[in-house]
Amino acid sequence: MKILFCTDGSKISYAALANISGWIKSATIDTISVIDWSFLQDDINLEHNNFKIACANTADSILNHAQKLIEKYNFIKGKRIKQCGSAVESILETADTSNYDLILMGSNGKKGIQKWLGSVSQEIINNSTISDYIVKKENNKKNILITTDGTECSSDILLDILPYLKLEEKEVHICTVNEDPSLLFLEGNVDNHWLNDIRKHQNIYASNSINKISKILKDYNIDIHKTAILTGNPAQEIIEYTKENQIDLTVLGSRNKSKLSRFLTGSESKRIIENTISDVLLIRCNL
């Protein structure tokens, strides 16, 4: 596996390395640190400014520390990448020009207007076409939740990532979510027998979805700790499940869409990433 690790020298970015070391068997990790001059006034001449030198030295220190951690966690040190400009544009351009399997980032979980404006990690998630691993805080690296919607995408992403995952001695959870059909109609216009029939078919589909993922895991000799069929809003139910079961890593599938489509419709995965306290492994599916 080839990973692009994005760091600004913050504690949370280094926590991303610590956390992923508990889940990924082996990887070559390139490290990128971006010097962003965009907040400076236009009339400042950086060519003759000690500030530029100081920032460049800081970036070198960040990269040096990151590579020491990469060795500490038994990964293979890859390239050191130091760039100037927009952090989002630099990371996306680097990711697009190399054959990476994963972008690794920490996220500060901003709130209020900062969250509305978006963070570097959220912008990358919205615009990236490769998979992402997002960390909110250092955790126990013990409990993993694999989500499924029963589609081929859910099965394919699991088959893609399983060879790289360390799941020995982990507590593996599988869940799927049925949307409540009664919320789709006005009260008084619903036939209860009809609703019960829908719920019956939903549960059959959900059980088949869980069984499909369970079979894949059992083929890899992976024990399953718990399975769950939830009912309600998918994002909210998954967020609540991660809290109640102290999940450390949530695995989500995401179909690649155009930027316009993502902007207009939003996504369940985006809401989960913004609100869950667990790490999130967002795997892109091209189906």
Protein backbone atom coordinates (compact mmCIF):
# COMPACT_ATOMS: atom_id res chain seq x y z
CA MET A 1 0.00 0.00 0.00
CA LYS A 2 1.19 3.50 -0.84
CA ILE A 3 0.01 6.31 1.47
CA LEU A 4 0.27 10.10 1.22
CA PHE A 5 0.51 11.47 4.78
CA CYS A 6 -0.47 15.13 5.12
CA THR A 7 0.91 16.99 8.13
CA ASP A 8 1.11 20.56 9.40
CA GLY A 9 3.08 19.54 12.48
CA SER A 10 0.00 19.42 14.70
CA LYS A 11 -0.56 16.81 17.38
CA ILE A 12 -3.65 15.49 15.60
CA SER A 13 -1.75 14.94 12.34
CA TYR A 14 0.86 12.83 14.15
CA ALA A 15 -1.97 10.96 15.90
CA ALA A 16 -3.09 9.89 12.43
CA LEU A 17 0.17 7.95 12.04
CA ALA A 18 -0.23 6.35 15.47
CA ASN A 19 -3.80 5.25 14.77
CA ILE A 20 -3.30 3.85 11.29
CA SER A 21 -0.35 1.81 12.56
CA GLY A 22 -2.88 -0.28 14.50
CA TRP A 23 -4.81 -1.19 11.35
CA ILE A 24 -2.51 -1.33 8.33
CA LYS A 25 -0.05 -4.23 8.01
CA SER A 26 2.56 -2.54 5.86
CA ALA A 27 2.83 0.54 3.69
CA THR A 28 5.20 2.98 2.06
CA ILE A 29 4.37 6.46 3.34
CA ASP A 30 5.25 9.69 1.52
CA THR A 31 4.94 12.81 3.68
CA ILE A 32 3.79 16.22 2.44
CA SER A 33 4.00 19.52 4.32
CA VAL A 34 2.72 22.66 2.62
CA ILE A 35 3.87 26.21 3.37
CA ASP A 36 0.81 28.40 2.77
CA TRP A 37 1.61 32.06 2.13
CA SER A 38 -1.98 33.02 1.27
CA PHE A 39 -2.62 34.77 4.60
CA LEU A 40 0.22 37.29 3.99
CA GLN A 41 -0.31 40.71 2.41
CA ASP A 42 0.45 40.95 -1.30
CA ASP A 43 3.08 43.66 -0.87
CA ILE A 44 5.33 41.47 1.31
CA ASN A 45 8.42 40.41 -0.62
CA LEU A 46 9.14 36.89 0.53
CA GLU A 47 12.37 36.66 -1.45
CA HIS A 48 14.05 38.94 1.07
CA ASN A 49 12.07 38.04 4.14
CA ASN A 50 13.42 36.01 7.03
CA PHE A 51 9.89 34.72 7.59
CA LYS A 52 10.14 32.61 4.43
CA ILE A 53 13.34 31.01 5.67
CA ALA A 54 11.84 30.37 9.09
CA CYS A 55 8.77 28.69 7.56
CA ALA A 56 10.92 26.54 5.28
CA ASN A 57 12.99 25.43 8.30
CA THR A 58 9.78 24.64 10.20
CA ALA A 59 8.54 22.49 7.30
CA ASP A 60 11.85 20.60 7.31
CA SER A 61 11.49 19.97 11.06
CA ILE A 62 7.94 18.71 10.56
CA LEU A 63 9.04 16.33 7.81
CA ASN A 64 11.98 15.08 9.88
CA HIS A 65 9.74 14.30 12.86
CA ALA A 66 7.14 12.62 10.64
CA GLN A 67 9.74 10.33 9.12
CA LYS A 68 10.99 9.32 12.58
CA LEU A 69 7.41 8.35 13.49
CA ILE A 70 7.00 6.42 10.24
CA GLU A 71 10.04 4.35 11.21
CA LYS A 72 8.79 3.99 14.78
CA TYR A 73 5.51 2.49 13.56
CA ASN A 74 7.35 0.06 11.23
CA PHE A 75 6.25 1.64 7.97
CA ILE A 76 8.57 2.26 5.01
CA LYS A 77 9.76 5.84 4.64
CA GLY A 78 8.91 7.27 1.26
CA LYS A 79 9.45 10.71 -0.22
CA ARG A 80 9.60 14.01 1.69
CA ILE A 81 7.46 16.57 -0.15
CA LYS A 82 7.70 20.26 0.76
CA GLN A 83 5.60 22.70 -1.23
CA CYS A 84 4.45 26.32 -1.11
CA GLY A 85 0.93 27.51 -1.89
CA SER A 86 -2.57 26.31 -1.12
CA ALA A 87 -2.54 23.24 1.12
CA VAL A 88 -5.64 21.75 -0.53
CA GLU A 89 -4.45 22.31 -4.11
CA SER A 90 -0.92 21.07 -3.35
CA ILE A 91 -2.15 17.86 -1.69
CA LEU A 92 -4.70 17.09 -4.41
CA GLU A 93 -2.19 17.75 -7.18
CA THR A 94 0.37 15.51 -5.50
CA ALA A 95 -2.23 12.78 -5.01
CA ASP A 96 -3.31 12.99 -8.65
CA THR A 97 0.21 12.74 -10.05
CA SER A 98 1.27 9.66 -8.07
CA ASN A 99 -0.27 6.23 -7.64
CA TYR A 100 -1.46 6.51 -4.03
CA ASP A 101 -3.93 4.11 -2.44
CA LEU A 102 -4.78 6.36 0.49
CA ILE A 103 -4.55 9.93 1.79
CA LEU A 104 -3.91 10.05 5.55
CA MET A 105 -4.96 13.17 7.49
CA GLY A 106 -5.82 14.45 10.92
CA SER A 107 -8.94 16.59 11.35
CA ASN A 108 -9.46 19.10 14.14
CA GLY A 109 -13.24 18.72 14.01
CA LYS A 110 -13.98 22.45 13.74
CA LYS A 111 -17.35 23.74 14.86
CA GLY A 112 -19.62 26.66 14.12
CA ILE A 113 -18.54 29.05 11.36
CA GLN A 114 -15.12 27.35 11.05
CA LYS A 115 -16.88 24.08 10.29
CA TRP A 116 -19.22 25.83 7.83
CA LEU A 117 -16.27 27.36 5.99
CA GLY A 118 -14.68 23.93 5.78
CA SER A 119 -11.26 22.60 6.73
CA VAL A 120 -8.37 21.39 4.62
CA SER A 121 -9.28 17.76 5.33
CA GLN A 122 -12.93 18.27 4.36
CA GLU A 123 -11.97 20.02 1.12
CA ILE A 124 -9.66 17.14 0.24
CA ILE A 125 -12.36 14.57 1.00
CA ASN A 126 -14.84 16.47 -1.18
CA ASN A 127 -12.48 16.67 -4.15
CA SER A 128 -10.31 13.58 -3.91
CA THR A 129 -10.90 10.56 -6.12
CA ILE A 130 -8.84 8.18 -3.98
CA SER A 131 -9.57 6.72 -0.55
CA ASP A 132 -9.04 8.70 2.66
CA TYR A 133 -8.22 7.91 6.28
CA ILE A 134 -9.31 10.66 8.71
CA VAL A 135 -8.36 10.85 12.40
CA LYS A 136 -9.97 13.02 15.10
CA LYS A 137 -7.90 11.88 18.08
CA GLU A 138 -5.53 9.11 19.12
CA ASN A 139 -7.57 6.08 20.20
CA ASN A 140 -7.31 2.44 21.32
CA LYS A 141 -7.15 0.94 17.80
CA LYS A 142 -9.34 -1.95 18.98
CA ASN A 143 -12.94 -1.77 17.71
CA ILE A 144 -13.78 -1.56 14.01
CA LEU A 145 -17.19 -1.00 12.40
CA ILE A 146 -17.71 -2.18 8.82
CA THR A 147 -20.81 -0.61 7.29
CA THR A 148 -22.75 -2.04 4.37
CA ASP A 149 -25.72 -1.12 2.20
CA GLY A 150 -25.86 -4.50 0.52
CA THR A 151 -24.54 -3.27 -2.83
CA GLU A 152 -21.60 -4.66 -4.81
CA CYS A 153 -19.71 -1.54 -3.77
CA SER A 154 -19.82 -2.60 -0.10
CA SER A 155 -18.45 -6.05 -0.92
CA ASP A 156 -15.83 -4.80 -3.37
CA ILE A 157 -14.31 -2.21 -1.04
CA LEU A 158 -14.00 -4.80 1.72
CA LEU A 159 -12.28 -7.26 -0.61
CA ASP A 160 -9.92 -4.47 -1.71
CA ILE A 161 -8.89 -3.40 1.80
CA LEU A 162 -8.90 -6.72 3.72
CA PRO A 163 -5.45 -7.89 2.55
CA TYR A 164 -3.94 -4.76 4.11
CA LEU A 165 -5.81 -4.76 7.43
CA LYS A 166 -4.67 -6.08 10.82
CA LEU A 167 -7.83 -7.55 12.30
CA GLU A 168 -6.33 -10.15 14.61
CA GLU A 169 -7.45 -9.58 18.22
CA LYS A 170 -9.79 -6.78 17.12
CA GLU A 171 -13.51 -6.50 17.84
CA VAL A 172 -15.18 -6.46 14.42
CA HIS A 173 -18.68 -4.99 14.12
CA ILE A 174 -20.88 -5.04 11.01
CA CYS A 175 -23.95 -2.86 10.61
CA THR A 176 -26.49 -1.78 8.04
CA VAL A 177 -29.30 0.76 8.32
CA ASN A 178 -32.92 0.51 7.20
CA GLU A 179 -34.53 3.87 6.59
CA ASP A 180 -37.87 4.11 8.40
CA PRO A 181 -40.54 4.02 5.63
CA SER A 182 -43.15 5.68 7.86
CA LEU A 183 -41.10 8.91 7.72
CA LEU A 184 -41.52 9.12 3.97
CA PHE A 185 -45.28 9.66 4.03
CA LEU A 186 -47.80 11.97 5.67
CA GLU A 187 -49.46 10.59 8.77
CA GLY A 188 -52.92 9.27 8.04
CA ASN A 189 -52.12 8.32 4.43
CA VAL A 190 -50.31 5.11 5.25
CA ASP A 191 -51.64 1.59 5.34
CA ASN A 192 -50.07 -0.23 8.30
CA HIS A 193 -50.13 -3.59 6.51
CA TRP A 194 -48.29 -2.04 3.60
CA LEU A 195 -45.68 -0.50 5.93
CA ASN A 196 -45.19 -3.83 7.71
CA ASP A 197 -44.65 -5.51 4.37
CA ILE A 198 -41.99 -2.94 3.44
CA ARG A 199 -40.25 -3.44 6.80
CA LYS A 200 -40.31 -7.21 6.31
CA HIS A 201 -38.59 -6.91 2.94
CA GLN A 202 -36.13 -4.36 4.36
CA ASN A 203 -35.11 -6.79 7.09
CA ILE A 204 -34.63 -9.63 4.60
CA TYR A 205 -32.40 -7.40 2.47
CA ALA A 206 -30.50 -6.16 5.54
CA SER A 207 -29.91 -9.71 6.79
CA ASN A 208 -28.60 -10.74 3.38
CA SER A 209 -26.32 -7.69 3.37
CA ILE A 210 -24.88 -8.57 6.78
CA ASN A 211 -24.46 -12.22 5.76
CA LYS A 212 -22.59 -11.25 2.59
CA ILE A 213 -20.02 -9.20 4.56
CA SER A 214 -19.82 -11.88 7.27
CA LYS A 215 -19.00 -14.55 4.68
CA ILE A 216 -16.15 -12.44 3.25
CA LEU A 217 -14.69 -11.95 6.74
CA LYS A 218 -15.03 -15.64 7.63
CA ASP A 219 -13.23 -16.57 4.40
CA TYR A 220 -10.30 -14.57 5.83
CA ASN A 221 -10.68 -16.35 9.21
CA ILE A 222 -11.76 -13.12 10.90
CA ASP A 223 -14.03 -13.43 13.93
CA ILE A 224 -17.10 -11.19 14.11
CA HIS A 225 -17.88 -9.61 17.46
CA LYS A 226 -21.31 -8.13 16.72
CA THR A 227 -23.76 -7.46 13.88
CA ALA A 228 -26.59 -4.94 13.90
CA ILE A 229 -29.54 -3.93 11.71
CA LEU A 230 -30.44 -0.35 12.60
CA THR A 231 -33.48 1.71 11.62
CA GLY A 232 -33.58 5.45 10.99
CA ASN A 233 -31.43 8.02 9.24
CA PRO A 234 -28.30 6.13 8.07
CA ALA A 235 -25.75 8.78 9.04
CA GLN A 236 -27.28 9.46 12.45
CA GLU A 237 -27.66 5.78 13.29
CA ILE A 238 -24.04 5.05 12.39
CA ILE A 239 -22.82 8.06 14.40
CA GLU A 240 -24.78 6.87 17.46
CA TYR A 241 -23.54 3.30 17.02
CA THR A 242 -19.90 4.43 16.99
CA LYS A 243 -20.45 6.31 20.26
CA GLU A 244 -22.36 3.56 22.06
CA ASN A 245 -19.90 0.82 21.06
CA GLN A 246 -16.70 2.86 21.44
CA ILE A 247 -15.73 2.28 17.82
CA ASP A 248 -12.17 3.29 16.94
CA LEU A 249 -12.41 2.91 13.16
CA THR A 250 -15.46 3.16 10.89
CA VAL A 251 -15.17 1.80 7.35
CA LEU A 252 -17.40 3.54 4.80
CA GLY A 253 -17.85 3.12 1.08
CA SER A 254 -18.37 6.13 -1.16
CA ARG A 255 -19.25 6.15 -4.84
CA ASN A 256 -17.17 8.64 -6.81
CA LYS A 257 -19.38 11.45 -8.09
CA SER A 258 -18.78 14.73 -9.84
CA LYS A 259 -18.05 17.78 -7.66
CA LEU A 260 -21.36 19.31 -8.73
CA SER A 261 -23.30 16.20 -7.75
CA ARG A 262 -21.62 16.09 -4.33
CA PHE A 263 -22.35 19.78 -3.79
CA LEU A 264 -26.02 19.49 -4.74
CA THR A 265 -26.92 16.28 -2.93
CA GLY A 266 -24.41 16.06 -0.07
CA SER A 267 -23.60 12.59 1.27
CA GLU A 268 -24.15 10.40 4.29
CA SER A 269 -20.42 9.74 4.50
CA LYS A 270 -19.67 13.47 4.77
CA ARG A 271 -22.05 13.84 7.70
CA ILE A 272 -20.55 10.79 9.44
CA ILE A 273 -17.00 12.09 8.98
CA GLU A 274 -17.94 15.49 10.39
CA ASN A 275 -19.74 14.16 13.46
CA THR A 276 -18.30 10.82 14.52
CA ILE A 277 -15.49 10.64 17.08
CA SER A 278 -13.97 7.52 15.52
CA ASP A 279 -11.40 7.35 12.75
CA VAL A 280 -13.00 6.99 9.32
CA LEU A 281 -11.64 4.95 6.43
CA LEU A 282 -13.52 6.23 3.38
CA ILE A 283 -12.97 3.87 0.46
CA ARG A 284 -13.90 5.04 -3.01
CA CYS A 285 -15.97 2.76 -5.18
CA ASN A 286 -16.24 3.42 -8.92
CA LEU A 287 -19.47 1.47 -9.43
